[in-house]
Protein backbone atom coordinates (compact mmCIF):
# COMPACT_ATOMS: atom_id res chain seq x y z
CA MET A 1 0.07 0.50 -0.27
CA ILE A 2 1.35 3.78 -1.17
CA ARG A 3 0.06 6.65 0.96
CA TRP A 4 -0.36 9.51 -1.67
CA ARG A 5 -1.04 13.29 -1.88
CA PRO A 6 -0.68 15.14 -4.62
CA GLU A 7 -0.84 19.19 -4.68
CA ILE A 8 -0.79 21.67 -7.86
CA PHE A 9 -1.54 25.33 -7.71
CA VAL A 10 -1.15 27.10 -11.83
CA ASP A 11 -2.74 29.99 -12.61
CA ARG A 12 -0.43 30.74 -16.10
CA ILE A 13 -1.56 29.77 -19.42
CA GLY A 14 0.59 26.73 -20.18
CA PHE A 15 0.41 23.18 -20.90
CA GLY A 16 2.18 20.71 -18.47
CA ARG A 17 2.53 17.41 -18.34
CA ASP A 18 3.76 14.97 -15.11
CA PRO A 19 3.83 11.26 -15.16
CA ILE A 20 5.08 9.13 -12.60
CA ASN A 21 6.64 6.13 -13.75
CA PHE A 22 7.58 2.82 -12.41
CA ASP A 23 10.09 -0.41 -12.70
CA VAL A 24 9.54 -3.43 -11.39
CA LEU A 25 12.28 -6.33 -11.42
CA ASN A 26 11.30 -9.61 -10.69
CA LEU A 27 14.44 -10.46 -8.34
CA ASP A 28 14.00 -14.53 -9.23
CA THR A 29 13.46 -14.42 -13.29
CA GLY A 30 15.11 -11.45 -13.75
CA ASP A 31 11.92 -9.98 -15.77
CA LEU A 32 11.38 -5.87 -15.90
CA PHE A 33 8.29 -4.63 -15.97
CA THR A 34 7.42 -0.35 -16.74
CA ALA A 35 3.74 0.92 -15.97
CA THR A 36 2.51 4.38 -15.46
CA PHE A 37 1.15 4.91 -12.12
CA PHE A 38 0.00 8.03 -12.49
CA ASP A 39 0.10 10.63 -15.24
CA LEU A 40 -1.15 14.41 -15.20
CA MET A 41 -1.82 16.69 -17.79
CA THR A 42 -2.89 20.29 -17.73
CA ASP A 43 -3.69 23.22 -20.53
CA LEU A 44 -4.61 25.59 -19.02
CA GLY A 45 -6.01 29.28 -21.00
CA ALA A 46 -6.26 32.93 -19.88
CA ASP A 47 -8.08 33.67 -16.59
CA THR A 48 -7.99 29.73 -15.99
CA PHE A 49 -6.39 28.49 -12.66
CA ILE A 50 -6.25 24.66 -11.13
CA ASP A 51 -5.40 24.19 -6.96
CA TRP A 52 -5.05 20.80 -5.42
CA ASN A 53 -4.40 21.11 -1.91
CA ASN A 54 -4.69 18.35 0.52
CA SER A 55 -7.73 16.86 -0.51
CA GLN A 56 -9.62 20.03 -1.83
CA VAL A 57 -9.61 20.30 -6.01
CA GLN A 58 -10.65 24.03 -7.29
CA ILE A 59 -10.69 24.46 -11.22
CA GLY A 60 -12.10 26.98 -13.27
CA GLY A 61 -12.10 29.91 -16.06
CA GLN A 62 -12.46 30.54 -19.83
CA ASP A 63 -10.86 27.49 -21.17
CA GLY A 64 -9.04 24.38 -19.69
CA GLU A 65 -8.13 20.96 -19.83
CA LEU A 66 -7.27 18.62 -16.65
CA ARG A 67 -6.82 15.01 -17.07
CA ILE A 68 -5.72 12.42 -14.43
CA GLU A 69 -5.05 9.01 -15.56
CA MET A 70 -4.37 5.59 -12.83
CA ASP A 71 -4.43 2.53 -14.62
CA SER A 72 -1.15 -0.05 -13.80
CA PRO A 73 -2.21 -3.67 -14.41
CA PHE A 74 0.03 -3.24 -11.31
CA ILE A 75 -2.86 -1.37 -8.98
CA THR A 76 -5.04 -3.40 -7.20
CA THR A 77 -7.58 -0.64 -6.21
CA GLY A 78 -7.07 3.63 -6.36
CA THR A 79 -7.46 3.16 -10.66
CA GLY A 80 -9.53 5.54 -12.34
CA LEU A 81 -9.78 7.60 -15.07
CA LEU A 82 -10.59 11.93 -14.81
CA HIS A 83 -10.55 14.40 -17.82
CA LEU A 84 -12.09 17.56 -17.73
CA LYS A 85 -12.24 20.27 -20.44
CA PHE A 86 -13.99 23.24 -20.62
CA GLU A 87 -14.30 26.13 -23.45
CA GLY A 88 -15.63 29.21 -23.45
CA GLY A 89 -16.76 29.53 -19.88
CA ILE A 90 -18.77 25.90 -20.39
CA VAL A 91 -18.11 22.28 -19.66
CA THR A 92 -17.49 20.16 -23.01
CA THR A 93 -15.95 17.01 -21.38
CA ALA A 94 -16.84 15.40 -18.29
CA ASP A 95 -15.32 11.61 -17.91
CA ASP A 96 -15.09 10.58 -14.82
CA SER A 97 -14.62 6.30 -13.65
CA GLY A 98 -12.36 4.06 -10.63
CA LEU A 99 -11.13 6.47 -8.40
CA PHE A 100 -12.97 9.51 -9.79
CA ASP A 101 -16.02 8.35 -10.64
CA GLY A 102 -18.53 10.72 -10.21
CA LEU A 103 -16.67 13.51 -9.28
CA LEU A 104 -16.77 15.96 -12.30
CA PRO A 105 -19.99 18.50 -13.09
CA SER A 106 -22.38 17.35 -16.16
CA LEU A 107 -21.79 18.77 -19.44
CA GLY A 108 -22.28 22.15 -20.66
CA SER A 109 -22.58 23.25 -16.67
CA SER A 110 -20.71 26.80 -15.63
CA SER A 111 -16.52 26.65 -15.50
CA ALA A 112 -16.09 29.49 -13.68
CA SER A 113 -15.54 27.42 -10.30
CA ILE A 114 -15.61 23.96 -10.13
CA GLY A 115 -14.62 22.16 -7.18
CA PHE A 116 -14.80 18.46 -5.40
CA ALA A 117 -12.75 16.45 -3.03
CA PHE A 118 -10.16 13.91 -3.62
CA GLY A 119 -8.72 11.53 -1.33
CA GLY A 120 -9.09 11.64 2.42
CA ALA A 121 -9.61 14.20 4.66
CA ASP A 122 -6.21 14.51 5.38
CA GLY A 123 -5.97 14.68 1.49
CA PHE A 124 -4.25 11.46 1.81
CA ILE A 125 -4.95 8.60 -1.19
CA ASP A 126 -4.40 5.28 -0.70
CA ILE A 127 -3.56 2.94 -3.63
CA GLY A 128 -2.26 -1.03 -3.30
CA PHE A 129 -0.05 -2.98 -5.03
CA ASP A 130 0.27 -6.41 -6.25
CA PHE A 131 3.45 -6.94 -8.45
CA GLY A 132 2.67 -11.09 -8.81
CA THR A 133 2.98 -14.07 -6.89
CA GLU A 134 4.86 -14.61 -3.50
CA ASN A 135 8.94 -15.12 -5.03
CA THR A 136 12.04 -16.25 -2.69
CA ASN A 137 14.18 -13.18 -3.32
CA GLY A 138 11.05 -10.39 -3.88
CA TYR A 139 10.91 -6.88 -6.11
CA ASN A 140 12.90 -3.82 -6.76
CA PHE A 141 10.44 -1.00 -7.51
CA ASN A 142 11.71 2.47 -9.06
CA VAL A 143 9.70 5.28 -9.27
CA GLY A 144 11.03 8.09 -12.03
CA LEU A 145 9.38 11.39 -11.88
CA GLY A 146 8.62 12.69 -15.50
CA GLY A 147 7.49 16.07 -16.38
CA GLY A 148 7.03 18.67 -19.73
CA GLY A 149 5.97 21.47 -20.74
CA MET A 150 5.22 25.00 -21.24
CA ILE A 151 3.85 27.53 -18.95
CA SER A 152 4.16 31.11 -19.53
CA GLU A 153 4.16 35.04 -17.82
CA MET A 154 1.63 36.83 -17.54
CA GLY A 155 -0.48 35.17 -20.53
CA VAL A 156 2.05 35.37 -23.00
CA VAL A 157 3.32 32.23 -24.23
CA PRO A 158 6.67 33.17 -26.20
CA GLU A 159 7.09 32.32 -29.86
CA PRO A 160 9.08 28.93 -30.95
CA ALA A 161 12.22 30.66 -31.74
CA SER A 162 12.42 33.16 -28.61
CA LEU A 163 12.20 29.83 -27.10
CA ALA A 164 14.75 27.66 -28.59
CA LEU A 165 17.58 31.05 -28.18
CA ALA A 166 16.62 30.90 -24.26
CA THR A 167 17.17 27.19 -24.49
CA ALA A 168 19.99 27.77 -26.09
CA GLY A 169 21.08 30.44 -23.76
CA LEU A 170 20.91 27.99 -21.05
CA LEU A 171 22.50 25.03 -22.45
CA ALA A 172 25.35 27.22 -22.91
CA CYS A 173 25.08 28.64 -19.39
CA LEU A 174 24.69 24.93 -18.42
CA ALA A 175 28.37 24.17 -20.76
CA VAL A 176 30.18 26.62 -19.38
CA ALA A 177 29.49 25.57 -15.25
CA HIS A 178 30.16 22.67 -16.07
CA ALA A 179 33.39 22.88 -17.44
CA GLY A 180 34.33 25.43 -15.00
CA ARG A 181 33.41 22.34 -12.37
CA ARG A 182 35.27 19.98 -14.08
CA GLY A 183 38.56 22.30 -14.43
CA ALA A 184 38.23 22.77 -10.72
CA SER A 185 38.05 19.08 -9.71
CA SER A 186 40.72 16.35 -10.10
CA PRO A 187 40.82 14.24 -12.81
CA ARG A 188 38.90 11.07 -13.57
CA PRO A 189 40.20 8.21 -13.62
CA SER A 190 39.51 6.56 -17.27
CA PRO A 191 37.15 3.39 -17.58
CA PRO A 192 39.07 0.03 -17.89
CA GLY A 193 39.80 -1.52 -21.37
């Protein structure tokens, strides 16, 4: 069993995706299984926000989308899908199943402010896992957090050329910092062979 408490706050235009992936290695057979435990996607327009604190979720505005998918062959309790989309201040998609069943408003509802409680009073969600039959040496469980997207300040989305220039500048700064660090440290031994 895993106790999990997500928290999110976004109030700027942008798109983001934050999956949590994990690998399970069967130490008896050497079989490696990979799955996604949690996949969150937000796509928010102007004057749109999402705030998830403890068990309370608030989302609203004119144009936006929130999608949460929890679907893994290893999860025994706590799977489900939540997909909310609104355009022009009206809910246009409201799919909720499993763990999220019954949380979303009906189609055609106002999206000015949508609120629902998810998880226990303390904000935690209990998720059960089963990695398979009991074995002699057990299982290794590794979690990887991913992320990607673009969020803009004050409603101005950078054009691709500006974004590429900013990325190139950041990479140059990192290269200089890395070179400086290598010069200050003792040389690393060469790998054998």
